Amino acid sequence: MRRAVTLASVGDLEAALPFFRVAFDAWPLWRELAPRLTVAGILPDEPALIAILLAVE
């Protein structure tokens, strides 16, 4: 998950999405926790970005 978040934070969604997919498959609770990372300042507070991340299957 760390690599996925780092890549998304710097704007490299194309590289980040496969890592989010693996993380969400391995531990589905990450899907619920990912939006909270904006509150902690770990991910940018951009609703469109969070929507894209949560749409990963």
C-alpha atoms as a PDB file:
ATOM      1  CA  MET A   1       0.000   0.000   0.000  1.00  0.00           C
ATOM      2  CA  ARG A   2       2.875   2.353   0.729  1.00  0.00           C
ATOM      3  CA  ARG A   3       4.055   2.325  -2.881  1.00  0.00           C
ATOM      4  CA  ALA A   4       0.512   2.873  -4.170  1.00  0.00           C
ATOM      5  CA  VAL A   5      -0.030   5.864  -1.888  1.00  0.00           C
ATOM      6  CA  THR A   6       3.353   7.384  -2.720  1.00  0.00           C
ATOM      7  CA  LEU A   7       2.753   7.119  -6.454  1.00  0.00           C
ATOM      8  CA  ALA A   8      -0.762   8.556  -6.157  1.00  0.00           C
ATOM      9  CA  SER A   9       0.517  11.402  -3.995  1.00  0.00           C
ATOM     10  CA  VAL A  10       2.964  12.512  -6.664  1.00  0.00           C
ATOM     11  CA  GLY A  11       0.326  12.241  -9.391  1.00  0.00           C
ATOM     12  CA  ASP A  12       1.414   8.985 -11.035  1.00  0.00           C
ATOM     13  CA  LEU A  13      -1.982   7.264 -11.019  1.00  0.00           C
ATOM     14  CA  GLU A  14      -1.150   5.007 -13.939  1.00  0.00           C
ATOM     15  CA  ALA A  15       1.606   3.385 -11.886  1.00  0.00           C
ATOM     16  CA  ALA A  16      -0.329   3.516  -8.600  1.00  0.00           C
ATOM     17  CA  LEU A  17      -3.540   1.777  -9.642  1.00  0.00           C
ATOM     18  CA  PRO A  18      -2.103  -1.741 -10.003  1.00  0.00           C
ATOM     19  CA  PHE A  19      -0.643  -1.456  -6.498  1.00  0.00           C
ATOM     20  CA  PHE A  20      -3.982  -0.311  -5.101  1.00  0.00           C
ATOM     21  CA  ARG A  21      -5.624  -3.287  -6.814  1.00  0.00           C
ATOM     22  CA  VAL A  22      -3.215  -5.694  -5.119  1.00  0.00           C
ATOM     23  CA  ALA A  23      -3.645  -3.992  -1.739  1.00  0.00           C
ATOM     24  CA  PHE A  24      -7.454  -3.991  -1.969  1.00  0.00           C
ATOM     25  CA  ASP A  25      -7.464  -7.656  -2.993  1.00  0.00           C
ATOM     26  CA  ALA A  26      -5.116  -8.630  -0.174  1.00  0.00           C
ATOM     27  CA  TRP A  27      -6.935  -6.674   2.509  1.00  0.00           C
ATOM     28  CA  PRO A  28     -10.363  -5.306   1.464  1.00  0.00           C
ATOM     29  CA  LEU A  29     -10.486  -2.974   4.474  1.00  0.00           C
ATOM     30  CA  TRP A  30      -7.908  -0.771   2.710  1.00  0.00           C
ATOM     31  CA  ARG A  31     -10.751   0.339   0.441  1.00  0.00           C
ATOM     32  CA  GLU A  32     -12.497   1.867   3.475  1.00  0.00           C
ATOM     33  CA  LEU A  33      -9.324   3.313   4.935  1.00  0.00           C
ATOM     34  CA  ALA A  34      -7.972   4.913   1.762  1.00  0.00           C
ATOM     35  CA  PRO A  35     -10.254   7.998   1.907  1.00  0.00           C
ATOM     36  CA  ARG A  36      -9.120   8.638   5.486  1.00  0.00           C
ATOM     37  CA  LEU A  37      -5.572   9.098   4.266  1.00  0.00           C
ATOM     38  CA  THR A  38      -6.602  12.533   2.973  1.00  0.00           C
ATOM     39  CA  VAL A  39      -7.506  13.609   6.513  1.00  0.00           C
ATOM     40  CA  ALA A  40      -4.049  12.525   7.675  1.00  0.00           C
ATOM     41  CA  GLY A  41      -2.470  14.489   4.820  1.00  0.00           C
ATOM     42  CA  ILE A  42      -1.006  11.353   3.256  1.00  0.00           C
ATOM     43  CA  LEU A  43      -3.087  11.559   0.076  1.00  0.00           C
ATOM     44  CA  PRO A  44      -4.183  14.789  -1.608  1.00  0.00           C
ATOM     45  CA  ASP A  45      -7.692  15.871  -0.624  1.00  0.00           C
ATOM     46  CA  GLU A  46      -9.080  15.519  -4.136  1.00  0.00           C
ATOM     47  CA  PRO A  47     -12.485  13.812  -4.392  1.00  0.00           C
ATOM     48  CA  ALA A  48     -11.841  12.819  -8.018  1.00  0.00           C
ATOM     49  CA  LEU A  49      -8.635  11.039  -7.020  1.00  0.00           C
ATOM     50  CA  ILE A  50     -10.371   9.128  -4.222  1.00  0.00           C
ATOM     51  CA  ALA A  51     -13.192   8.155  -6.588  1.00  0.00           C
ATOM     52  CA  ILE A  52     -10.689   6.736  -9.064  1.00  0.00           C
ATOM     53  CA  LEU A  53      -8.897   4.797  -6.339  1.00  0.00           C
ATOM     54  CA  LEU A  54     -12.098   3.349  -4.951  1.00  0.00           C
ATOM     55  CA  ALA A  55     -13.243   2.293  -8.413  1.00  0.00           C
ATOM     56  CA  VAL A  56     -10.233   0.000  -8.803  1.00  0.00           C
ATOM     57  CA  GLU A  57     -11.309  -3.637  -9.165  1.00  0.00           C
END
